[in-house]
N, C-alpha and C. Protein backbone atom coordinates (compact mmCIF):
# COMPACT_ATOMS: atom_id res chain seq x y z
N UNK A 1 38.65 -69.73 -93.57
CA UNK A 1 38.41 -68.37 -93.15
C UNK A 1 38.84 -68.26 -91.69
N UNK A 2 39.77 -67.36 -91.42
CA UNK A 2 40.22 -67.13 -90.05
C UNK A 2 39.21 -66.20 -89.38
N UNK A 3 38.55 -66.71 -88.36
CA UNK A 3 37.49 -65.97 -87.69
C UNK A 3 37.98 -65.40 -86.37
N UNK A 4 37.99 -64.08 -86.28
CA UNK A 4 38.26 -63.39 -85.02
C UNK A 4 36.98 -62.68 -84.62
N UNK A 5 37.00 -61.98 -83.52
CA UNK A 5 35.78 -61.27 -83.10
C UNK A 5 35.35 -60.20 -84.10
N UNK A 6 36.29 -59.75 -84.95
CA UNK A 6 35.98 -58.67 -85.89
C UNK A 6 35.77 -59.12 -87.33
N UNK A 7 36.15 -60.32 -87.68
CA UNK A 7 36.12 -60.75 -89.08
C UNK A 7 34.79 -60.52 -89.76
N UNK A 8 33.71 -60.99 -89.16
CA UNK A 8 32.41 -60.94 -89.84
C UNK A 8 31.78 -59.56 -89.83
N UNK A 9 32.36 -58.63 -89.07
CA UNK A 9 31.84 -57.26 -89.09
C UNK A 9 32.57 -56.39 -90.11
N UNK A 10 33.56 -56.93 -90.76
CA UNK A 10 34.28 -56.19 -91.80
C UNK A 10 33.60 -56.43 -93.14
N UNK A 11 33.26 -55.34 -93.80
CA UNK A 11 32.47 -55.46 -95.03
C UNK A 11 33.20 -56.24 -96.11
N UNK A 12 34.49 -56.04 -96.26
CA UNK A 12 35.23 -56.76 -97.31
C UNK A 12 35.28 -58.25 -97.01
N UNK A 13 35.40 -58.59 -95.73
CA UNK A 13 35.38 -60.01 -95.36
C UNK A 13 34.01 -60.61 -95.67
N UNK A 14 32.96 -59.86 -95.40
CA UNK A 14 31.61 -60.33 -95.72
C UNK A 14 31.49 -60.62 -97.21
N UNK A 15 31.98 -59.70 -98.03
CA UNK A 15 31.93 -59.90 -99.47
C UNK A 15 32.69 -61.12 -99.91
N UNK A 16 33.84 -61.35 -99.30
CA UNK A 16 34.64 -62.52 -99.67
C UNK A 16 34.01 -63.82 -99.21
N UNK A 17 33.38 -63.82 -98.04
CA UNK A 17 32.69 -65.02 -97.56
C UNK A 17 31.54 -65.36 -98.52
N UNK A 18 30.75 -64.35 -98.87
CA UNK A 18 29.65 -64.56 -99.81
C UNK A 18 30.18 -65.10 -101.14
N UNK A 19 31.21 -64.47 -101.66
CA UNK A 19 31.77 -64.89 -102.96
C UNK A 19 32.28 -66.32 -102.92
N UNK A 20 33.00 -66.66 -101.86
CA UNK A 20 33.56 -68.01 -101.74
C UNK A 20 32.47 -69.06 -101.68
N UNK A 21 31.47 -68.82 -100.85
CA UNK A 21 30.40 -69.81 -100.71
C UNK A 21 29.56 -69.90 -101.98
N UNK A 22 29.34 -68.79 -102.64
CA UNK A 22 28.61 -68.82 -103.92
C UNK A 22 29.35 -69.65 -104.96
N UNK A 23 30.66 -69.53 -104.96
CA UNK A 23 31.48 -70.21 -105.97
C UNK A 23 31.78 -71.66 -105.60
N UNK A 24 31.32 -72.09 -104.44
CA UNK A 24 31.54 -73.47 -104.04
C UNK A 24 32.96 -73.76 -103.60
N UNK A 25 33.67 -72.73 -103.16
CA UNK A 25 35.04 -72.91 -102.68
C UNK A 25 35.00 -73.72 -101.39
N UNK A 26 35.84 -74.75 -101.31
CA UNK A 26 35.94 -75.51 -100.06
C UNK A 26 36.40 -74.56 -98.96
N UNK A 27 35.62 -74.49 -97.91
CA UNK A 27 35.85 -73.50 -96.86
C UNK A 27 35.95 -74.18 -95.51
N UNK A 28 36.98 -73.83 -94.77
CA UNK A 28 37.16 -74.33 -93.41
C UNK A 28 37.25 -73.13 -92.48
N UNK A 29 36.23 -72.94 -91.64
CA UNK A 29 36.31 -71.86 -90.67
C UNK A 29 37.34 -72.20 -89.58
N UNK A 30 38.24 -71.28 -89.31
CA UNK A 30 39.24 -71.43 -88.26
C UNK A 30 38.91 -70.40 -87.19
N UNK A 31 38.46 -70.88 -86.04
CA UNK A 31 37.99 -70.00 -84.98
C UNK A 31 39.11 -69.66 -84.01
N UNK A 32 39.44 -68.37 -83.93
CA UNK A 32 40.43 -67.89 -82.95
C UNK A 32 39.76 -67.81 -81.58
N UNK A 33 40.58 -67.66 -80.55
CA UNK A 33 40.07 -67.65 -79.18
C UNK A 33 39.03 -66.56 -78.92
N UNK A 34 39.15 -65.43 -79.60
CA UNK A 34 38.23 -64.32 -79.33
C UNK A 34 36.98 -64.34 -80.22
N UNK A 35 36.84 -65.34 -81.08
CA UNK A 35 35.70 -65.40 -81.99
C UNK A 35 34.41 -65.70 -81.24
N UNK A 36 33.38 -64.92 -81.57
CA UNK A 36 32.04 -65.15 -81.05
C UNK A 36 31.11 -65.27 -82.26
N UNK A 37 30.46 -66.41 -82.43
CA UNK A 37 29.58 -66.58 -83.59
C UNK A 37 28.47 -65.52 -83.59
N UNK A 38 28.07 -65.07 -84.78
CA UNK A 38 27.01 -64.07 -84.83
C UNK A 38 25.67 -64.67 -84.40
N UNK A 39 24.91 -63.88 -83.68
CA UNK A 39 23.58 -64.31 -83.26
C UNK A 39 22.57 -63.94 -84.35
N UNK A 40 21.39 -64.52 -84.26
CA UNK A 40 20.32 -64.18 -85.20
C UNK A 40 19.96 -62.70 -85.08
N UNK A 41 19.99 -62.17 -83.88
CA UNK A 41 19.68 -60.75 -83.67
C UNK A 41 20.73 -59.87 -84.35
N UNK A 42 22.01 -60.22 -84.19
CA UNK A 42 23.08 -59.45 -84.83
C UNK A 42 22.92 -59.47 -86.34
N UNK A 43 22.63 -60.64 -86.89
CA UNK A 43 22.47 -60.74 -88.35
C UNK A 43 21.23 -59.99 -88.83
N UNK A 44 20.19 -59.94 -88.01
CA UNK A 44 18.99 -59.19 -88.39
C UNK A 44 19.27 -57.69 -88.41
N UNK A 45 20.28 -57.26 -87.68
CA UNK A 45 20.64 -55.83 -87.61
C UNK A 45 21.88 -55.50 -88.42
N UNK A 46 22.19 -56.30 -89.42
CA UNK A 46 23.40 -56.06 -90.22
C UNK A 46 23.45 -54.66 -90.82
N UNK A 47 22.30 -54.08 -91.13
CA UNK A 47 22.31 -52.75 -91.74
C UNK A 47 22.88 -51.70 -90.80
N UNK A 48 22.99 -52.02 -89.50
CA UNK A 48 23.58 -51.06 -88.56
C UNK A 48 25.08 -51.29 -88.38
N UNK A 49 25.59 -52.39 -88.91
CA UNK A 49 27.01 -52.71 -88.77
C UNK A 49 27.85 -51.85 -89.71
N UNK A 50 27.33 -51.62 -90.91
CA UNK A 50 28.06 -50.86 -91.93
C UNK A 50 27.32 -49.57 -92.26
N UNK A 51 28.04 -48.63 -92.83
CA UNK A 51 27.43 -47.37 -93.27
C UNK A 51 26.62 -47.63 -94.54
N UNK A 52 25.76 -46.67 -94.87
CA UNK A 52 24.99 -46.78 -96.12
C UNK A 52 25.93 -46.87 -97.32
N UNK A 53 27.05 -46.13 -97.26
CA UNK A 53 28.02 -46.17 -98.35
C UNK A 53 28.65 -47.54 -98.50
N UNK A 54 28.96 -48.18 -97.39
CA UNK A 54 29.54 -49.52 -97.44
C UNK A 54 28.53 -50.54 -97.98
N UNK A 55 27.29 -50.41 -97.55
CA UNK A 55 26.25 -51.31 -98.03
C UNK A 55 26.06 -51.13 -99.54
N UNK A 56 26.10 -49.87 -99.99
CA UNK A 56 25.97 -49.58 -101.42
C UNK A 56 27.15 -50.15 -102.20
N UNK A 57 28.34 -50.05 -101.62
CA UNK A 57 29.53 -50.58 -102.29
C UNK A 57 29.43 -52.10 -102.45
N UNK A 58 28.98 -52.78 -101.41
CA UNK A 58 28.77 -54.23 -101.51
C UNK A 58 27.70 -54.54 -102.56
N UNK A 59 26.63 -53.77 -102.55
CA UNK A 59 25.55 -54.00 -103.52
C UNK A 59 26.06 -53.82 -104.94
N UNK A 60 26.95 -52.85 -105.13
CA UNK A 60 27.53 -52.64 -106.45
C UNK A 60 28.36 -53.82 -106.92
N UNK A 61 28.81 -54.62 -105.97
CA UNK A 61 29.57 -55.83 -106.29
C UNK A 61 28.67 -57.07 -106.32
N UNK A 62 27.36 -56.84 -106.21
CA UNK A 62 26.41 -57.96 -106.28
C UNK A 62 26.18 -58.66 -104.96
N UNK A 63 26.51 -58.00 -103.85
CA UNK A 63 26.35 -58.62 -102.53
C UNK A 63 25.32 -57.82 -101.74
N UNK A 64 24.19 -58.43 -101.47
CA UNK A 64 23.14 -57.79 -100.66
C UNK A 64 23.25 -58.26 -99.21
N UNK A 65 22.62 -57.54 -98.31
CA UNK A 65 22.65 -57.94 -96.90
C UNK A 65 22.05 -59.33 -96.72
N UNK A 66 21.02 -59.65 -97.49
CA UNK A 66 20.43 -60.99 -97.38
C UNK A 66 21.43 -62.07 -97.82
N UNK A 67 22.30 -61.74 -98.76
CA UNK A 67 23.35 -62.69 -99.17
C UNK A 67 24.33 -62.92 -98.03
N UNK A 68 24.65 -61.85 -97.32
CA UNK A 68 25.59 -61.95 -96.19
C UNK A 68 24.97 -62.81 -95.09
N UNK A 69 23.72 -62.55 -94.77
CA UNK A 69 23.04 -63.34 -93.73
C UNK A 69 23.01 -64.81 -94.11
N UNK A 70 22.68 -65.09 -95.36
CA UNK A 70 22.64 -66.48 -95.84
C UNK A 70 24.03 -67.12 -95.75
N UNK A 71 25.06 -66.40 -96.18
CA UNK A 71 26.42 -66.94 -96.16
C UNK A 71 26.89 -67.17 -94.73
N UNK A 72 26.59 -66.24 -93.83
CA UNK A 72 27.01 -66.41 -92.43
C UNK A 72 26.30 -67.59 -91.78
N UNK A 73 25.05 -67.82 -92.16
CA UNK A 73 24.31 -68.97 -91.64
C UNK A 73 24.94 -70.27 -92.15
N UNK A 74 25.28 -70.30 -93.43
CA UNK A 74 25.96 -71.48 -94.00
C UNK A 74 27.32 -71.69 -93.35
N UNK A 75 28.04 -70.61 -93.14
CA UNK A 75 29.37 -70.69 -92.52
C UNK A 75 29.28 -71.31 -91.13
N UNK A 76 28.26 -70.94 -90.38
CA UNK A 76 28.07 -71.47 -89.02
C UNK A 76 27.79 -72.96 -89.03
N UNK A 77 27.27 -73.47 -90.14
CA UNK A 77 26.95 -74.90 -90.23
C UNK A 77 28.15 -75.76 -90.67
N UNK A 78 29.23 -75.12 -91.11
CA UNK A 78 30.40 -75.87 -91.56
C UNK A 78 31.23 -76.38 -90.39
N UNK A 79 31.86 -77.53 -90.54
CA UNK A 79 32.78 -77.99 -89.48
C UNK A 79 33.92 -76.99 -89.37
N UNK A 80 34.30 -76.67 -88.14
CA UNK A 80 35.35 -75.67 -87.95
C UNK A 80 36.52 -76.23 -87.16
N UNK A 81 37.60 -75.47 -87.17
CA UNK A 81 38.80 -75.80 -86.41
C UNK A 81 39.01 -74.67 -85.42
N UNK A 82 39.33 -75.00 -84.19
CA UNK A 82 39.60 -73.97 -83.18
C UNK A 82 41.08 -73.84 -82.94
N UNK A 83 41.52 -72.59 -82.77
CA UNK A 83 42.93 -72.35 -82.44
C UNK A 83 43.08 -72.20 -80.95
């Protein structure tokens, strides 16, 4: 997963991260120079990152905000590569 400062705030990227980690896909985070890991506070406020419509769209695909938080926490624990 190529991580920029915006990657994890994009709803489709969130859905793909959740899906990949759920499916056990081997994942290597690649951190670009502008990447800033999400803080616990940012993840606690995920409902303010996306609109209600976006959150509903993710939910319709089986992805809840708690799934995103869990996936982002797992992603942070993976060994990464920096660019």
